[in-house]
């Protein structure tokens, strides 16, 4: 049985506002294989940062001073991997919210996509899961988080395929 294609995403934000994306991580998986990765710094509105966010991800205003705004990155690197696709994130509620708010900020059309959440599937944090499954992680680097999420979702899909054959049922505890 073929493994579904999907796009794993992760965003880092500059401030508490969900439209303040400052880094995009995207991993495209087709038939179980990674086919494309995007790792882009993004200049958030007014290039304003909250010090607590900087403490989390290490991205500073000087890092994004010359970076493109999200609307540019959306059209160049993201839209065709999101619109009408399955989109996976470790906290899809957060990442989908950031995407929708940022697109609204730039007056862009909202894409349609199916949401999948590895946090809901595995019921554990990303750092714990990457240790458990020996997946490399540089936590709060958007591409590293998206890559780890993609690997976790592939594990989930593989277990689902096994359960369909009657071998076992997914249990991630």
Protein backbone atom coordinates (compact mmCIF):
# COMPACT_ATOMS: atom_id res chain seq x y z
CA UNK A 1 0.00 0.00 0.00
CA UNK A 2 1.57 3.38 -0.99
CA UNK A 3 2.29 5.93 1.70
CA UNK A 4 0.36 9.19 1.29
CA UNK A 5 2.15 12.33 0.24
CA UNK A 6 2.18 15.28 2.65
CA UNK A 7 3.93 18.49 3.64
CA UNK A 8 5.37 18.96 7.14
CA UNK A 9 5.70 22.55 8.34
CA UNK A 10 7.03 24.49 11.28
CA UNK A 11 7.13 28.21 11.98
CA UNK A 12 9.12 30.28 14.42
CA UNK A 13 7.62 33.62 15.42
CA UNK A 14 9.21 36.94 16.36
CA UNK A 15 6.57 38.04 18.88
CA UNK A 16 3.42 36.58 20.46
CA UNK A 17 1.35 37.59 17.42
CA UNK A 18 0.76 34.60 15.09
CA UNK A 19 1.40 36.78 12.02
CA UNK A 20 5.02 37.35 13.07
CA UNK A 21 6.61 34.37 11.32
CA UNK A 22 10.39 34.82 11.20
CA UNK A 23 11.44 31.35 9.99
CA UNK A 24 9.76 28.79 7.76
CA UNK A 25 10.63 25.10 7.75
CA UNK A 26 8.90 22.91 5.18
CA UNK A 27 9.48 19.29 4.19
CA UNK A 28 7.63 17.71 1.25
CA UNK A 29 7.20 13.94 1.33
CA UNK A 30 5.91 12.07 -1.71
CA UNK A 31 5.31 8.33 -1.59
CA UNK A 32 7.34 8.07 1.60
CA UNK A 33 10.39 9.97 0.33
CA UNK A 34 11.51 13.53 1.11
CA UNK A 35 11.43 15.38 -2.20
CA UNK A 36 11.83 19.01 -1.18
CA UNK A 37 12.92 21.12 1.80
CA UNK A 38 12.50 24.83 2.48
CA UNK A 39 14.43 26.70 5.17
CA UNK A 40 13.83 30.45 4.95
CA UNK A 41 14.27 33.35 7.27
CA UNK A 42 11.37 35.79 6.96
CA UNK A 43 11.22 39.47 7.87
CA UNK A 44 8.23 39.78 10.22
CA UNK A 45 6.08 42.93 10.27
CA UNK A 46 8.25 45.90 11.29
CA UNK A 47 11.07 43.38 11.91
CA UNK A 48 10.10 43.55 15.60
CA UNK A 49 11.09 40.82 18.07
CA UNK A 50 10.26 40.00 21.68
CA UNK A 51 13.30 38.99 23.71
CA UNK A 52 11.61 35.80 24.99
CA UNK A 53 11.08 34.59 21.42
CA UNK A 54 14.75 35.31 20.66
CA UNK A 55 15.69 33.22 23.70
CA UNK A 56 13.69 30.30 22.28
CA UNK A 57 14.92 30.24 18.67
CA UNK A 58 17.92 32.56 18.58
CA UNK A 59 16.72 34.55 15.56
CA UNK A 60 17.34 38.30 15.90
CA UNK A 61 16.17 41.37 13.97
CA UNK A 62 19.56 41.69 12.27
CA UNK A 63 19.14 38.12 10.93
CA UNK A 64 15.93 39.03 9.09
CA UNK A 65 16.64 42.66 8.21
CA UNK A 66 17.25 41.78 4.54
CA UNK A 67 15.04 38.68 4.44
CA UNK A 68 11.93 38.56 2.25
CA UNK A 69 8.49 39.09 3.78
CA UNK A 70 6.18 36.11 4.18
CA UNK A 71 4.07 36.90 1.12
CA UNK A 72 7.17 36.53 -1.07
CA UNK A 73 8.21 33.26 0.57
CA UNK A 74 4.63 31.99 0.30
CA UNK A 75 4.53 32.41 -3.47
CA UNK A 76 8.14 31.35 -4.14
CA UNK A 77 8.47 28.35 -1.84
CA UNK A 78 5.29 27.27 -0.11
CA UNK A 79 1.91 27.72 -1.74
CA UNK A 80 2.09 24.74 -4.12
CA UNK A 81 3.15 22.45 -1.23
CA UNK A 82 0.26 23.58 1.02
CA UNK A 83 -2.82 24.30 -1.09
CA UNK A 84 -5.02 21.20 -1.49
CA UNK A 85 -2.47 19.04 0.35
CA UNK A 86 -2.17 17.16 3.61
CA UNK A 87 -0.24 19.42 6.00
CA UNK A 88 1.41 17.99 9.10
CA UNK A 89 2.88 19.83 12.08
CA UNK A 90 3.78 18.84 15.60
CA UNK A 91 1.25 21.37 16.83
CA UNK A 92 -0.94 21.94 13.79
CA UNK A 93 -3.20 24.26 15.75
CA UNK A 94 -0.29 26.67 16.31
CA UNK A 95 1.25 26.39 12.84
CA UNK A 96 -2.03 26.53 10.90
CA UNK A 97 -3.03 29.55 13.01
CA UNK A 98 0.26 31.29 12.17
CA UNK A 99 -0.19 30.50 8.48
CA UNK A 100 -3.76 31.79 8.36
CA UNK A 101 -3.04 34.97 10.33
CA UNK A 102 0.08 35.77 8.32
CA UNK A 103 -1.69 35.22 5.01
CA UNK A 104 -4.54 37.45 6.22
CA UNK A 105 -2.01 40.13 7.22
CA UNK A 106 -0.70 40.15 3.64
CA UNK A 107 -4.23 39.95 2.21
CA UNK A 108 -3.52 36.59 0.57
CA UNK A 109 -6.16 33.98 -0.28
CA UNK A 110 -6.44 31.29 2.37
CA UNK A 111 -5.40 27.83 1.11
CA UNK A 112 -7.42 24.67 1.61
CA UNK A 113 -5.58 21.77 3.21
CA UNK A 114 -6.11 18.74 5.43
CA UNK A 115 -4.52 19.05 8.87
CA UNK A 116 -2.59 16.32 10.68
CA UNK A 117 -0.98 16.77 14.09
CA UNK A 118 1.84 14.58 15.38
CA UNK A 119 1.34 16.03 18.87
CA UNK A 120 -2.21 14.63 18.90
CA UNK A 121 -1.11 11.36 17.31
CA UNK A 122 1.82 10.64 19.65
CA UNK A 123 0.64 12.63 22.71
CA UNK A 124 4.20 13.61 23.58
CA UNK A 125 6.48 16.59 23.00
CA UNK A 126 8.79 16.78 20.02
CA UNK A 127 12.00 16.67 22.08
CA UNK A 128 10.89 13.51 23.89
CA UNK A 129 9.80 11.78 20.68
CA UNK A 130 12.97 12.60 18.78
CA UNK A 131 15.02 11.08 21.62
CA UNK A 132 12.80 8.01 21.79
CA UNK A 133 12.97 7.39 18.03
CA UNK A 134 16.56 8.66 17.63
CA UNK A 135 15.62 11.42 15.23
CA UNK A 136 18.11 14.29 15.02
CA UNK A 137 16.70 17.58 16.31
CA UNK A 138 17.92 21.12 16.69
CA UNK A 139 14.79 22.20 18.57
CA UNK A 140 13.18 25.49 17.52
CA UNK A 141 14.98 25.53 14.21
CA UNK A 142 12.00 25.47 11.85
CA UNK A 143 13.52 23.10 9.28
CA UNK A 144 14.80 20.71 11.94
CA UNK A 145 11.39 20.67 13.66
CA UNK A 146 9.57 20.14 10.33
CA UNK A 147 11.98 17.34 9.37
CA UNK A 148 11.47 15.60 12.71
CA UNK A 149 7.71 15.99 12.34
CA UNK A 150 7.84 14.45 8.84
CA UNK A 151 9.82 11.48 10.17
CA UNK A 152 7.35 10.98 13.01
CA UNK A 153 4.40 11.11 10.64
CA UNK A 154 6.08 8.55 8.37
CA UNK A 155 6.45 6.27 11.41
CA UNK A 156 2.76 6.75 12.14
CA UNK A 157 1.79 5.93 8.55
CA UNK A 158 3.97 2.82 8.58
CA UNK A 159 2.28 1.61 11.77
CA UNK A 160 -1.13 2.35 10.27
CA UNK A 161 -0.25 0.24 7.23
CA UNK A 162 0.84 -2.61 9.52
CA UNK A 163 -2.40 -2.38 11.50
CA UNK A 164 -4.41 -2.68 8.28
CA UNK A 165 -2.72 -5.99 7.63
CA UNK A 166 -3.64 -7.16 11.13
CA UNK A 167 -0.08 -7.19 12.45
CA UNK A 168 -0.45 -4.57 15.17
CA UNK A 169 -2.31 -1.45 16.19
CA UNK A 170 -0.52 1.86 16.66
CA UNK A 171 0.37 2.52 20.27
CA UNK A 172 2.82 5.34 20.84
CA UNK A 173 2.90 5.40 24.63
